[in-house]
């Protein structure tokens, strides 16, 4: 790994000291809980995060687009925005497509089965790596901070 870690830690210890706490690293099973967020990234870096409560549906996605992402784009990026999102069923619903059409937002065509084009996946992976072991109650504020 050139710029980060793959999460594996090696410990050098004398023979016959395998179970000595001095040579052990404490862990937390299951990472301490999950927080589901929606976020964006642009040429300016990370945009705002929104915490998802319950199950994400097209109405919650529309609310995020209208009240978080659209405001961010208008205030930070200006006109000429081309919006990119993956082929999640909530993103591709007729309801959401109509929202983009009504607001004259240009969508970048997304080829199916193309995770290599999804630039935010790397951002999510890095955030997850930084917050491993934190409990869910702390995670959202720490995600915003990171």
Protein backbone atom coordinates (compact mmCIF):
# COMPACT_ATOMS: atom_id res chain seq x y z
CA UNK A 1 0.00 0.00 0.00
CA UNK A 2 1.58 3.28 -1.09
CA UNK A 3 -0.51 5.89 0.71
CA UNK A 4 -2.58 4.11 3.34
CA UNK A 5 -2.93 0.86 5.20
CA UNK A 6 -4.87 -2.26 4.30
CA UNK A 7 -5.87 -2.61 7.96
CA UNK A 8 -3.49 -5.48 8.76
CA UNK A 9 -1.28 -4.88 11.78
CA UNK A 10 1.82 -6.94 12.52
CA UNK A 11 3.19 -7.33 16.02
CA UNK A 12 6.69 -8.46 16.92
CA UNK A 13 6.85 -10.31 20.21
CA UNK A 14 9.14 -12.76 21.95
CA UNK A 15 8.37 -16.47 21.72
CA UNK A 16 5.87 -17.87 24.24
CA UNK A 17 4.18 -14.48 24.75
CA UNK A 18 1.28 -14.96 22.31
CA UNK A 19 -1.46 -14.34 24.90
CA UNK A 20 0.33 -11.68 26.92
CA UNK A 21 -1.96 -8.57 26.87
CA UNK A 22 1.14 -6.43 26.38
CA UNK A 23 1.36 -7.81 22.82
CA UNK A 24 -2.35 -7.73 21.92
CA UNK A 25 -4.42 -5.10 20.13
CA UNK A 26 -7.96 -4.57 21.43
CA UNK A 27 -10.71 -4.92 18.84
CA UNK A 28 -14.42 -4.24 18.65
CA UNK A 29 -16.67 -6.75 16.94
CA UNK A 30 -18.88 -5.45 14.12
CA UNK A 31 -17.32 -1.97 14.12
CA UNK A 32 -19.52 -0.50 16.84
CA UNK A 33 -22.62 0.14 14.75
CA UNK A 34 -23.62 1.62 11.44
CA UNK A 35 -24.61 5.07 10.33
CA UNK A 36 -26.10 5.45 6.86
CA UNK A 37 -25.37 8.73 5.12
CA UNK A 38 -25.81 10.36 1.76
CA UNK A 39 -23.08 12.64 0.52
CA UNK A 40 -21.46 14.18 -2.48
CA UNK A 41 -18.05 15.05 -3.82
CA UNK A 42 -17.19 17.74 -6.37
CA UNK A 43 -14.16 19.48 -7.80
CA UNK A 44 -14.10 21.44 -4.53
CA UNK A 45 -13.88 18.31 -2.35
CA UNK A 46 -16.46 16.77 -0.04
CA UNK A 47 -19.89 18.33 0.08
CA UNK A 48 -22.45 18.09 2.87
CA UNK A 49 -23.53 14.81 4.47
CA UNK A 50 -27.09 13.88 5.34
CA UNK A 51 -27.88 11.14 7.82
CA UNK A 52 -30.42 8.61 6.54
CA UNK A 53 -33.05 7.67 9.09
CA UNK A 54 -34.83 4.40 8.40
CA UNK A 55 -35.03 3.02 4.89
CA UNK A 56 -34.01 5.21 1.98
CA UNK A 57 -36.83 5.62 -0.52
CA UNK A 58 -37.46 7.92 -3.49
CA UNK A 59 -39.11 10.55 -1.28
CA UNK A 60 -36.19 10.72 1.14
CA UNK A 61 -33.82 10.82 -1.85
CA UNK A 62 -35.81 13.71 -3.35
CA UNK A 63 -35.64 15.58 -0.03
CA UNK A 64 -31.85 15.14 0.06
CA UNK A 65 -31.52 16.32 -3.55
CA UNK A 66 -33.77 19.34 -2.98
CA UNK A 67 -32.70 20.50 0.46
CA UNK A 68 -29.05 19.47 0.67
CA UNK A 69 -27.41 18.74 -2.67
CA UNK A 70 -29.21 21.42 -4.70
CA UNK A 71 -28.41 24.12 -2.13
CA UNK A 72 -24.77 23.01 -2.03
CA UNK A 73 -24.52 23.01 -5.83
CA UNK A 74 -26.20 26.41 -6.18
CA UNK A 75 -24.07 28.06 -3.48
CA UNK A 76 -20.73 26.41 -4.26
CA UNK A 77 -20.59 25.17 -7.84
CA UNK A 78 -22.70 27.60 -9.85
CA UNK A 79 -24.31 26.89 -13.21
CA UNK A 80 -23.27 24.22 -15.68
CA UNK A 81 -23.40 21.41 -13.15
CA UNK A 82 -23.41 17.85 -14.48
CA UNK A 83 -24.75 15.48 -11.85
CA UNK A 84 -23.48 11.91 -11.54
CA UNK A 85 -25.15 9.13 -9.59
CA UNK A 86 -25.16 5.35 -9.85
CA UNK A 87 -28.02 3.11 -10.97
CA UNK A 88 -29.51 2.53 -7.53
CA UNK A 89 -33.27 1.92 -7.97
CA UNK A 90 -34.07 5.02 -5.88
CA UNK A 91 -31.87 7.12 -8.16
CA UNK A 92 -33.41 5.72 -11.33
CA UNK A 93 -37.05 5.95 -10.31
CA UNK A 94 -39.40 7.93 -12.54
CA UNK A 95 -40.14 10.18 -9.56
CA UNK A 96 -36.46 11.19 -9.26
CA UNK A 97 -35.95 11.45 -13.02
CA UNK A 98 -38.88 13.90 -13.10
CA UNK A 99 -37.26 15.91 -10.29
CA UNK A 100 -34.07 16.30 -12.39
CA UNK A 101 -36.12 17.19 -15.46
CA UNK A 102 -38.16 19.86 -13.65
CA UNK A 103 -34.98 21.49 -12.35
CA UNK A 104 -33.12 21.23 -15.68
CA UNK A 105 -30.23 19.29 -14.13
CA UNK A 106 -27.97 17.52 -16.62
CA UNK A 107 -27.33 13.91 -15.63
CA UNK A 108 -24.20 12.06 -16.65
CA UNK A 109 -25.19 8.79 -18.31
CA UNK A 110 -24.19 5.92 -16.06
CA UNK A 111 -23.21 2.60 -17.64
CA UNK A 112 -24.48 -0.43 -15.77
CA UNK A 113 -22.03 -2.49 -13.70
CA UNK A 114 -19.36 0.25 -13.66
CA UNK A 115 -18.18 0.66 -10.08
CA UNK A 116 -14.77 1.87 -11.31
CA UNK A 117 -16.40 5.15 -12.42
CA UNK A 118 -17.89 5.82 -8.99
CA UNK A 119 -15.36 8.23 -7.48
CA UNK A 120 -17.15 8.54 -4.15
CA UNK A 121 -16.67 4.81 -3.35
CA UNK A 122 -13.04 5.53 -2.46
CA UNK A 123 -14.10 8.40 -0.22
CA UNK A 124 -16.58 6.15 1.63
CA UNK A 125 -13.93 3.43 2.04
CA UNK A 126 -11.44 5.91 3.51
CA UNK A 127 -14.03 7.35 5.92
CA UNK A 128 -15.02 3.86 7.01
CA UNK A 129 -11.37 2.94 7.60
CA UNK A 130 -10.83 6.05 9.74
CA UNK A 131 -13.89 5.41 11.90
CA UNK A 132 -13.61 1.66 12.50
CA UNK A 133 -14.46 0.75 16.08
CA UNK A 134 -16.48 3.89 16.83
CA UNK A 135 -20.04 3.47 18.06
CA UNK A 136 -22.98 4.56 15.91
CA UNK A 137 -23.95 7.48 18.17
CA UNK A 138 -20.58 9.14 17.62
CA UNK A 139 -20.09 8.22 13.97
CA UNK A 140 -22.18 10.86 12.19
CA UNK A 141 -20.48 13.82 13.88
CA UNK A 142 -17.11 12.16 13.33
CA UNK A 143 -17.95 11.54 9.66
CA UNK A 144 -18.70 15.23 9.24
CA UNK A 145 -15.46 16.14 11.01
CA UNK A 146 -13.35 13.78 8.86
